[in-house]
Amino acid sequence: LPRQQGSRTAGGTLDLAALLPEDRAWYGYEGSLTTPPCTEGVAWSVLRGAVSVSADQVRAFTELFPLSARPVQPLGGRSVTLNR
């Protein structure tokens, strides 16, 4: 993570596959952006498998990005599909 909001860190090689869970199945559903007015159509893809982070990593992230735009929303009749 950058040291402060808006700053950048030096580049390098990053293996993004190493950050993903072994189970690459994912859920898909139609929703909206997480910021008001929350009306734009977005096709969400969410991995089924969880990735663990430490309390220190969560704390570092929330120090840089303290605002959560909105709480989790109800399903509201949308379908959720599991893709493998």
PDB file of N, CA and C in Angstrom:
ATOM      1  N   LEU A   1       0.841  -1.193   0.000  1.00  0.00           N
ATOM      2  CA  LEU A   1       0.000   0.000   0.000  1.00  0.00           C
ATOM      3  C   LEU A   1       0.872   1.238   0.000  1.00  0.00           C
ATOM      4  N   PRO A   2       0.398   2.322  -0.613  1.00  0.00           N
ATOM      5  CA  PRO A   2       1.149   3.570  -0.520  1.00  0.00           C
ATOM      6  C   PRO A   2       1.156   4.066   0.925  1.00  0.00           C
ATOM      7  N   ARG A   3       2.093   4.901   1.232  1.00  0.00           N
ATOM      8  CA  ARG A   3       2.224   5.406   2.611  1.00  0.00           C
ATOM      9  C   ARG A   3       1.142   6.421   2.964  1.00  0.00           C
ATOM     10  N   GLN A   4       0.630   7.149   1.974  1.00  0.00           N
ATOM     11  CA  GLN A   4      -0.448   8.100   2.228  1.00  0.00           C
ATOM     12  C   GLN A   4      -1.396   8.139   1.045  1.00  0.00           C
ATOM     13  N   GLN A   5      -2.624   8.545   1.304  1.00  0.00           N
ATOM     14  CA  GLN A   5      -3.657   8.555   0.275  1.00  0.00           C
ATOM     15  C   GLN A   5      -3.218   9.434  -0.884  1.00  0.00           C
ATOM     16  N   GLY A   6      -3.377   8.914  -2.108  1.00  0.00           N
ATOM     17  CA  GLY A   6      -3.037   9.668  -3.309  1.00  0.00           C
ATOM     18  C   GLY A   6      -1.608   9.495  -3.764  1.00  0.00           C
ATOM     19  N   SER A   7      -0.744   8.906  -2.946  1.00  0.00           N
ATOM     20  CA  SER A   7       0.642   8.707  -3.354  1.00  0.00           C
ATOM     21  C   SER A   7       0.782   7.381  -4.088  1.00  0.00           C
ATOM     22  N   ARG A   8       1.928   7.195  -4.725  1.00  0.00           N
ATOM     23  CA  ARG A   8       2.200   5.956  -5.453  1.00  0.00           C
ATOM     24  C   ARG A   8       3.449   5.302  -4.895  1.00  0.00           C
ATOM     25  N   THR A   9       3.528   4.005  -5.098  1.00  0.00           N
ATOM     26  CA  THR A   9       4.719   3.285  -4.667  1.00  0.00           C
ATOM     27  C   THR A   9       5.526   2.906  -5.899  1.00  0.00           C
ATOM     28  N   ALA A  10       6.791   2.609  -5.708  1.00  0.00           N
ATOM     29  CA  ALA A  10       7.654   2.222  -6.821  1.00  0.00           C
ATOM     30  C   ALA A  10       7.129   0.952  -7.470  1.00  0.00           C
ATOM     31  N   GLY A  11       7.249   0.872  -8.785  1.00  0.00           N
ATOM     32  CA  GLY A  11       6.765  -0.287  -9.523  1.00  0.00           C
ATOM     33  C   GLY A  11       7.637  -1.504  -9.280  1.00  0.00           C
ATOM     34  N   GLY A  12       7.224  -2.584  -9.799  1.00  0.00           N
ATOM     35  CA  GLY A  12       7.940  -3.847  -9.677  1.00  0.00           C
ATOM     36  C   GLY A  12       7.079  -4.941 -10.252  1.00  0.00           C
ATOM     37  N   THR A  13       7.504  -6.142 -10.107  1.00  0.00           N
ATOM     38  CA  THR A  13       6.748  -7.281 -10.612  1.00  0.00           C
ATOM     39  C   THR A  13       5.828  -7.795  -9.513  1.00  0.00           C
ATOM     40  N   LEU A  14       4.583  -8.030  -9.882  1.00  0.00           N
ATOM     41  CA  LEU A  14       3.597  -8.516  -8.934  1.00  0.00           C
ATOM     42  C   LEU A  14       2.850  -9.666  -9.579  1.00  0.00           C
ATOM     43  N   ASP A  15       2.845 -10.820  -8.941  1.00  0.00           N
ATOM     44  CA  ASP A  15       2.126 -11.985  -9.430  1.00  0.00           C
ATOM     45  C   ASP A  15       0.705 -11.926  -8.883  1.00  0.00           C
ATOM     46  N   LEU A  16      -0.220 -11.389  -9.677  1.00  0.00           N
ATOM     47  CA  LEU A  16      -1.596 -11.231  -9.210  1.00  0.00           C
ATOM     48  C   LEU A  16      -2.267 -12.565  -8.914  1.00  0.00           C
ATOM     49  N   ALA A  17      -1.893 -13.617  -9.632  1.00  0.00           N
ATOM     50  CA  ALA A  17      -2.486 -14.935  -9.388  1.00  0.00           C
ATOM     51  C   ALA A  17      -2.177 -15.416  -7.971  1.00  0.00           C
ATOM     52  N   ALA A  18      -1.051 -14.998  -7.425  1.00  0.00           N
ATOM     53  CA  ALA A  18      -0.685 -15.400  -6.064  1.00  0.00           C
ATOM     54  C   ALA A  18      -1.583 -14.750  -5.014  1.00  0.00           C
ATOM     55  N   LEU A  19      -2.294 -13.692  -5.380  1.00  0.00           N
ATOM     56  CA  LEU A  19      -3.189 -13.006  -4.456  1.00  0.00           C
ATOM     57  C   LEU A  19      -4.596 -13.602  -4.452  1.00  0.00           C
ATOM     58  N   LEU A  20      -4.883 -14.467  -5.423  1.00  0.00           N
ATOM     59  CA  LEU A  20      -6.220 -15.041  -5.555  1.00  0.00           C
ATOM     60  C   LEU A  20      -6.308 -16.382  -4.839  1.00  0.00           C
ATOM     61  N   PRO A  21      -7.521 -16.760  -4.417  1.00  0.00           N
ATOM     62  CA  PRO A  21      -7.682 -18.072  -3.782  1.00  0.00           C
ATOM     63  C   PRO A  21      -7.532 -19.183  -4.823  1.00  0.00           C
ATOM     64  N   GLU A  22      -7.247 -20.382  -4.349  1.00  0.00           N
ATOM     65  CA  GLU A  22      -7.107 -21.521  -5.254  1.00  0.00           C
ATOM     66  C   GLU A  22      -8.424 -21.802  -5.975  1.00  0.00           C
ATOM     67  N   ASP A  23      -9.531 -21.692  -5.257  1.00  0.00           N
ATOM     68  CA  ASP A  23     -10.866 -21.873  -5.837  1.00  0.00           C
ATOM     69  C   ASP A  23     -11.228 -20.593  -6.583  1.00  0.00           C
ATOM     70  N   ARG A  24     -11.258 -20.633  -7.902  1.00  0.00           N
ATOM     71  CA  ARG A  24     -11.532 -19.439  -8.711  1.00  0.00           C
ATOM     72  C   ARG A  24     -12.990 -19.333  -9.137  1.00  0.00           C
ATOM     73  N   ALA A  25     -13.868 -20.149  -8.538  1.00  0.00           N
ATOM     74  CA  ALA A  25     -15.294 -20.018  -8.841  1.00  0.00           C
ATOM     75  C   ALA A  25     -15.756 -18.651  -8.361  1.00  0.00           C
ATOM     76  N   TRP A  26     -16.770 -18.094  -9.046  1.00  0.00           N
ATOM     77  CA  TRP A  26     -17.213 -16.753  -8.692  1.00  0.00           C
ATOM     78  C   TRP A  26     -18.721 -16.617  -8.826  1.00  0.00           C
ATOM     79  N   TYR A  27     -19.245 -15.686  -8.043  1.00  0.00           N
ATOM     80  CA  TYR A  27     -20.654 -15.333  -8.095  1.00  0.00           C
ATOM     81  C   TYR A  27     -20.807 -14.118  -8.988  1.00  0.00           C
ATOM     82  N   GLY A  28     -21.891 -14.084  -9.754  1.00  0.00           N
ATOM     83  CA  GLY A  28     -22.171 -12.927 -10.597  1.00  0.00           C
ATOM     84  C   GLY A  28     -23.579 -12.426 -10.336  1.00  0.00           C
ATOM     85  N   TYR A  29     -23.733 -11.114 -10.318  1.00  0.00           N
ATOM     86  CA  TYR A  29     -25.065 -10.528 -10.151  1.00  0.00           C
ATOM     87  C   TYR A  29     -25.058  -9.092 -10.669  1.00  0.00           C
ATOM     88  N   GLU A  30     -26.239  -8.600 -10.990  1.00  0.00           N
ATOM     89  CA  GLU A  30     -26.404  -7.222 -11.450  1.00  0.00           C
ATOM     90  C   GLU A  30     -26.629  -6.335 -10.240  1.00  0.00           C
ATOM     91  N   GLY A  31     -25.990  -5.188 -10.225  1.00  0.00           N
ATOM     92  CA  GLY A  31     -26.142  -4.268  -9.101  1.00  0.00           C
ATOM     93  C   GLY A  31     -25.889  -2.840  -9.541  1.00  0.00           C
ATOM     94  N   SER A  32     -25.333  -2.063  -8.639  1.00  0.00           N
ATOM     95  CA  SER A  32     -25.047  -0.668  -8.942  1.00  0.00           C
ATOM     96  C   SER A  32     -23.705  -0.300  -8.339  1.00  0.00           C
ATOM     97  N   LEU A  33     -23.266   0.899  -8.641  1.00  0.00           N
ATOM     98  CA  LEU A  33     -22.049   1.391  -8.021  1.00  0.00           C
ATOM     99  C   LEU A  33     -22.268   1.533  -6.526  1.00  0.00           C
ATOM    100  N   THR A  34     -21.196   1.611  -5.761  1.00  0.00           N
ATOM    101  CA  THR A  34     -21.328   1.693  -4.305  1.00  0.00           C
ATOM    102  C   THR A  34     -21.363   3.126  -3.804  1.00  0.00           C
ATOM    103  N   THR A  35     -21.392   4.071  -4.729  1.00  0.00           N
ATOM    104  CA  THR A  35     -21.467   5.483  -4.337  1.00  0.00           C
ATOM    105  C   THR A  35     -22.743   6.092  -4.909  1.00  0.00           C
ATOM    106  N   PRO A  36     -23.326   7.065  -4.221  1.00  0.00           N
ATOM    107  CA  PRO A  36     -24.561   7.678  -4.696  1.00  0.00           C
ATOM    108  C   PRO A  36     -24.379   8.241  -6.100  1.00  0.00           C
ATOM    109  N   PRO A  37     -25.374   8.145  -6.934  1.00  0.00           N
ATOM    110  CA  PRO A  37     -26.765   7.818  -6.623  1.00  0.00           C
ATOM    111  C   PRO A  37     -27.075   6.326  -6.624  1.00  0.00           C
ATOM    112  N   CYS A  38     -26.092   5.454  -6.771  1.00  0.00           N
ATOM    113  CA  CYS A  38     -26.283   4.000  -6.681  1.00  0.00           C
ATOM    114  C   CYS A  38     -27.264   3.470  -7.720  1.00  0.00           C
ATOM    115  N   THR A  39     -27.346   4.109  -8.871  1.00  0.00           N
ATOM    116  CA  THR A  39     -28.319   3.704  -9.875  1.00  0.00           C
ATOM    117  C   THR A  39     -27.689   3.145 -11.140  1.00  0.00           C
ATOM    118  N   GLU A  40     -26.396   3.317 -11.343  1.00  0.00           N
ATOM    119  CA  GLU A  40     -25.760   2.838 -12.561  1.00  0.00           C
ATOM    120  C   GLU A  40     -25.727   1.318 -12.571  1.00  0.00           C
ATOM    121  N   GLY A  41     -25.982   0.700 -13.733  1.00  0.00           N
ATOM    122  CA  GLY A  41     -25.962  -0.753 -13.837  1.00  0.00           C
ATOM    123  C   GLY A  41     -24.532  -1.283 -13.845  1.00  0.00           C
ATOM    124  N   VAL A  42     -24.241  -2.214 -12.962  1.00  0.00           N
ATOM    125  CA  VAL A  42     -22.915  -2.822 -12.867  1.00  0.00           C
ATOM    126  C   VAL A  42     -23.083  -4.331 -12.793  1.00  0.00           C
ATOM    127  N   ALA A  43     -22.292  -5.071 -13.581  1.00  0.00           N
ATOM    128  CA  ALA A  43     -22.268  -6.526 -13.481  1.00  0.00           C
ATOM    129  C   ALA A  43     -21.146  -6.878 -12.510  1.00  0.00           C
ATOM    130  N   TRP A  44     -21.507  -7.343 -11.323  1.00  0.00           N
ATOM    131  CA  TRP A  44     -20.531  -7.664 -10.282  1.00  0.00           C
ATOM    132  C   TRP A  44     -20.051  -9.100 -10.424  1.00  0.00           C
ATOM    133  N   SER A  45     -18.777  -9.339 -10.191  1.00  0.00           N
ATOM    134  CA  SER A  45     -18.179 -10.668 -10.131  1.00  0.00           C
ATOM    135  C   SER A  45     -17.423 -10.750  -8.822  1.00  0.00           C
ATOM    136  N   VAL A  46     -17.803 -11.688  -7.965  1.00  0.00           N
ATOM    137  CA  VAL A  46     -17.210 -11.811  -6.633  1.00  0.00           C
ATOM    138  C   VAL A  46     -16.708 -13.244  -6.457  1.00  0.00           C
ATOM    139  N   LEU A  47     -15.424 -13.397  -6.167  1.00  0.00           N
ATOM    140  CA  LEU A  47     -14.868 -14.732  -5.980  1.00  0.00           C
ATOM    141  C   LEU A  47     -15.535 -15.440  -4.804  1.00  0.00           C
ATOM    142  N   ARG A  48     -15.792 -16.732  -4.957  1.00  0.00           N
ATOM    143  CA  ARG A  48     -16.411 -17.523  -3.892  1.00  0.00           C
ATOM    144  C   ARG A  48     -15.434 -17.768  -2.752  1.00  0.00           C
ATOM    145  N   GLY A  49     -14.181 -18.038  -3.085  1.00  0.00           N
ATOM    146  CA  GLY A  49     -13.176 -18.318  -2.063  1.00  0.00           C
ATOM    147  C   GLY A  49     -12.680 -17.049  -1.393  1.00  0.00           C
ATOM    148  N   ALA A  50     -12.453 -17.159  -0.117  1.00  0.00           N
ATOM    149  CA  ALA A  50     -11.972 -16.003   0.648  1.00  0.00           C
ATOM    150  C   ALA A  50     -10.449 -15.946   0.631  1.00  0.00           C
ATOM    151  N   VAL A  51      -9.931 -14.755   0.783  1.00  0.00           N
ATOM    152  CA  VAL A  51      -8.498 -14.537   0.931  1.00  0.00           C
ATOM    153  C   VAL A  51      -8.317 -13.877   2.290  1.00  0.00           C
ATOM    154  N   SER A  52      -7.417 -14.393   3.091  1.00  0.00           N
ATOM    155  CA  SER A  52      -7.208 -13.849   4.436  1.00  0.00           C
ATOM    156  C   SER A  52      -6.247 -12.666   4.419  1.00  0.00           C
ATOM    157  N   VAL A  53      -6.553 -11.705   5.248  1.00  0.00           N
ATOM    158  CA  VAL A  53      -5.651 -10.579   5.484  1.00  0.00           C
ATOM    159  C   VAL A  53      -5.525 -10.407   6.993  1.00  0.00           C
ATOM    160  N   SER A  54      -4.439  -9.813   7.410  1.00  0.00           N
ATOM    161  CA  SER A  54      -4.211  -9.630   8.848  1.00  0.00           C
ATOM    162  C   SER A  54      -4.918  -8.375   9.349  1.00  0.00           C
ATOM    163  N   ALA A  55      -5.064  -8.278  10.652  1.00  0.00           N
ATOM    164  CA  ALA A  55      -5.649  -7.079  11.267  1.00  0.00           C
ATOM    165  C   ALA A  55      -4.802  -5.852  10.933  1.00  0.00           C
ATOM    166  N   ASP A  56      -3.490  -6.008  10.875  1.00  0.00           N
ATOM    167  CA  ASP A  56      -2.617  -4.889  10.512  1.00  0.00           C
ATOM    168  C   ASP A  56      -2.858  -4.432   9.079  1.00  0.00           C
ATOM    169  N   GLN A  57      -3.097  -5.365   8.162  1.00  0.00           N
ATOM    170  CA  GLN A  57      -3.382  -5.004   6.778  1.00  0.00           C
ATOM    171  C   GLN A  57      -4.711  -4.257   6.670  1.00  0.00           C
ATOM    172  N   VAL A  58      -5.722  -4.708   7.402  1.00  0.00           N
ATOM    173  CA  VAL A  58      -7.022  -4.027   7.402  1.00  0.00           C
ATOM    174  C   VAL A  58      -6.859  -2.619   7.981  1.00  0.00           C
ATOM    175  N   ARG A  59      -6.133  -2.498   9.055  1.00  0.00           N
ATOM    176  CA  ARG A  59      -5.911  -1.193   9.686  1.00  0.00           C
ATOM    177  C   ARG A  59      -5.181  -0.245   8.730  1.00  0.00           C
ATOM    178  N   ALA A  60      -4.138  -0.727   8.057  1.00  0.00           N
ATOM    179  CA  ALA A  60      -3.391   0.106   7.108  1.00  0.00           C
ATOM    180  C   ALA A  60      -4.298   0.569   5.967  1.00  0.00           C
ATOM    181  N   PHE A  61      -5.147  -0.334   5.477  1.00  0.00           N
ATOM    182  CA  PHE A  61      -6.055   0.022   4.385  1.00  0.00           C
ATOM    183  C   PHE A  61      -7.074   1.064   4.841  1.00  0.00           C
ATOM    184  N   THR A  62      -7.688   0.855   6.010  1.00  0.00           N
ATOM    185  CA  THR A  62      -8.719   1.787   6.474  1.00  0.00           C
ATOM    186  C   THR A  62      -8.141   3.142   6.863  1.00  0.00           C
ATOM    187  N   GLU A  63      -6.866   3.200   7.198  1.00  0.00           N
ATOM    188  CA  GLU A  63      -6.238   4.507   7.442  1.00  0.00           C
ATOM    189  C   GLU A  63      -6.136   5.301   6.143  1.00  0.00           C
ATOM    190  N   LEU A  64      -5.866   4.608   5.031  1.00  0.00           N
ATOM    191  CA  LEU A  64      -5.780   5.275   3.733  1.00  0.00           C
ATOM    192  C   LEU A  64      -7.151   5.541   3.122  1.00  0.00           C
ATOM    193  N   PHE A  65      -8.091   4.628   3.338  1.00  0.00           N
ATOM    194  CA  PHE A  65      -9.421   4.718   2.724  1.00  0.00           C
ATOM    195  C   PHE A  65     -10.475   4.547   3.812  1.00  0.00           C
ATOM    196  N   PRO A  66     -10.710   5.583   4.632  1.00  0.00           N
ATOM    197  CA  PRO A  66     -11.579   5.449   5.798  1.00  0.00           C
ATOM    198  C   PRO A  66     -13.077   5.390   5.506  1.00  0.00           C
ATOM    199  N   LEU A  67     -13.506   5.851   4.366  1.00  0.00           N
ATOM    200  CA  LEU A  67     -14.944   5.936   4.109  1.00  0.00           C
ATOM    201  C   LEU A  67     -15.462   4.702   3.391  1.00  0.00           C
ATOM    202  N   SER A  68     -16.535   4.152   3.904  1.00  0.00           N
ATOM    203  CA  SER A  68     -17.259   3.096   3.221  1.00  0.00           C
ATOM    204  C   SER A  68     -18.504   3.768   2.666  1.00  0.00           C
ATOM    205  N   ALA A  69     -18.701   3.664   1.361  1.00  0.00           N
ATOM    206  CA  ALA A  69     -19.761   4.425   0.711  1.00  0.00           C
ATOM    207  C   ALA A  69     -21.163   4.037   1.163  1.00  0.00           C
ATOM    208  N   ARG A  70     -21.400   2.768   1.414  1.00  0.00           N
ATOM    209  CA  ARG A  70     -22.729   2.351   1.869  1.00  0.00           C
ATOM    210  C   ARG A  70     -22.663   0.947   2.438  1.00  0.00           C
ATOM    211  N   PRO A  71     -23.645   0.581   3.261  1.00  0.00           N
ATOM    212  CA  PRO A  71     -23.669  -0.775   3.816  1.00  0.00           C
ATOM    213  C   PRO A  71     -24.110  -1.783   2.754  1.00  0.00           C
ATOM    214  N   VAL A  72     -23.966  -3.053   3.063  1.00  0.00           N
ATOM    215  CA  VAL A  72     -24.430  -4.122   2.177  1.00  0.00           C
ATOM    216  C   VAL A  72     -25.920  -3.938   1.947  1.00  0.00           C
ATOM    217  N   GLN A  73     -26.349  -4.130   0.714  1.00  0.00           N
ATOM    218  CA  GLN A  73     -27.745  -3.941   0.342  1.00  0.00           C
ATOM    219  C   GLN A  73     -28.465  -5.289   0.267  1.00  0.00           C
ATOM    220  N   PRO A  74     -29.802  -5.278   0.483  1.00  0.00           N
ATOM    221  CA  PRO A  74     -30.559  -6.523   0.337  1.00  0.00           C
ATOM    222  C   PRO A  74     -30.553  -6.995  -1.113  1.00  0.00           C
ATOM    223  N   LEU A  75     -30.787  -8.282  -1.323  1.00  0.00           N
ATOM    224  CA  LEU A  75     -30.765  -8.873  -2.657  1.00  0.00           C
ATOM    225  C   LEU A  75     -31.833  -8.264  -3.565  1.00  0.00           C
ATOM    226  N   GLY A  76     -32.965  -7.925  -3.017  1.00  0.00           N
ATOM    227  CA  GLY A  76     -33.995  -7.225  -3.786  1.00  0.00           C
ATOM    228  C   GLY A  76     -34.480  -7.955  -5.023  1.00  0.00           C
ATOM    229  N   GLY A  77     -34.577  -9.274  -4.984  1.00  0.00           N
ATOM    230  CA  GLY A  77     -35.105 -10.032  -6.111  1.00  0.00           C
ATOM    231  C   GLY A  77     -34.092 -10.322  -7.210  1.00  0.00           C
ATOM    232  N   ARG A  78     -32.858  -9.839  -7.082  1.00  0.00           N
ATOM    233  CA  ARG A  78     -31.844 -10.129  -8.108  1.00  0.00           C
ATOM    234  C   ARG A  78     -31.423 -11.581  -8.025  1.00  0.00           C
ATOM    235  N   SER A  79     -31.039 -12.173  -9.160  1.00  0.00           N
ATOM    236  CA  SER A  79     -30.488 -13.522  -9.128  1.00  0.00           C
ATOM    237  C   SER A  79     -28.980 -13.458  -9.001  1.00  0.00           C
ATOM    238  N   VAL A  80     -28.467 -14.443  -8.298  1.00  0.00           N
ATOM    239  CA  VAL A  80     -27.019 -14.592  -8.136  1.00  0.00           C
ATOM    240  C   VAL A  80     -26.649 -15.926  -8.755  1.00  0.00           C
ATOM    241  N   THR A  81     -25.663 -15.921  -9.659  1.00  0.00           N
ATOM    242  CA  THR A  81     -25.246 -17.165 -10.311  1.00  0.00           C
ATOM    243  C   THR A  81     -23.853 -17.544  -9.838  1.00  0.00           C
ATOM    244  N   LEU A  82     -23.607 -18.846  -9.735  1.00  0.00           N
ATOM    245  CA  LEU A  82     -22.285 -19.359  -9.396  1.00  0.00           C
ATOM    246  C   LEU A  82     -21.647 -19.830 -10.691  1.00  0.00           C
ATOM    247  N   ASN A  83     -20.466 -19.317 -10.987  1.00  0.00           N
ATOM    248  CA  ASN A  83     -19.747 -19.651 -12.219  1.00  0.00           C
ATOM    249  C   ASN A  83     -18.452 -20.371 -11.879  1.00  0.00           C
ATOM    250  N   ARG A  84     -18.124 -21.376 -12.626  1.00  0.00           N
ATOM    251  CA  ARG A  84     -16.904 -22.135 -12.380  1.00  0.00           C
ATOM    252  C   ARG A  84     -15.968 -22.039 -13.539  1.00  0.00           C
TER     253      ARG A  84
END
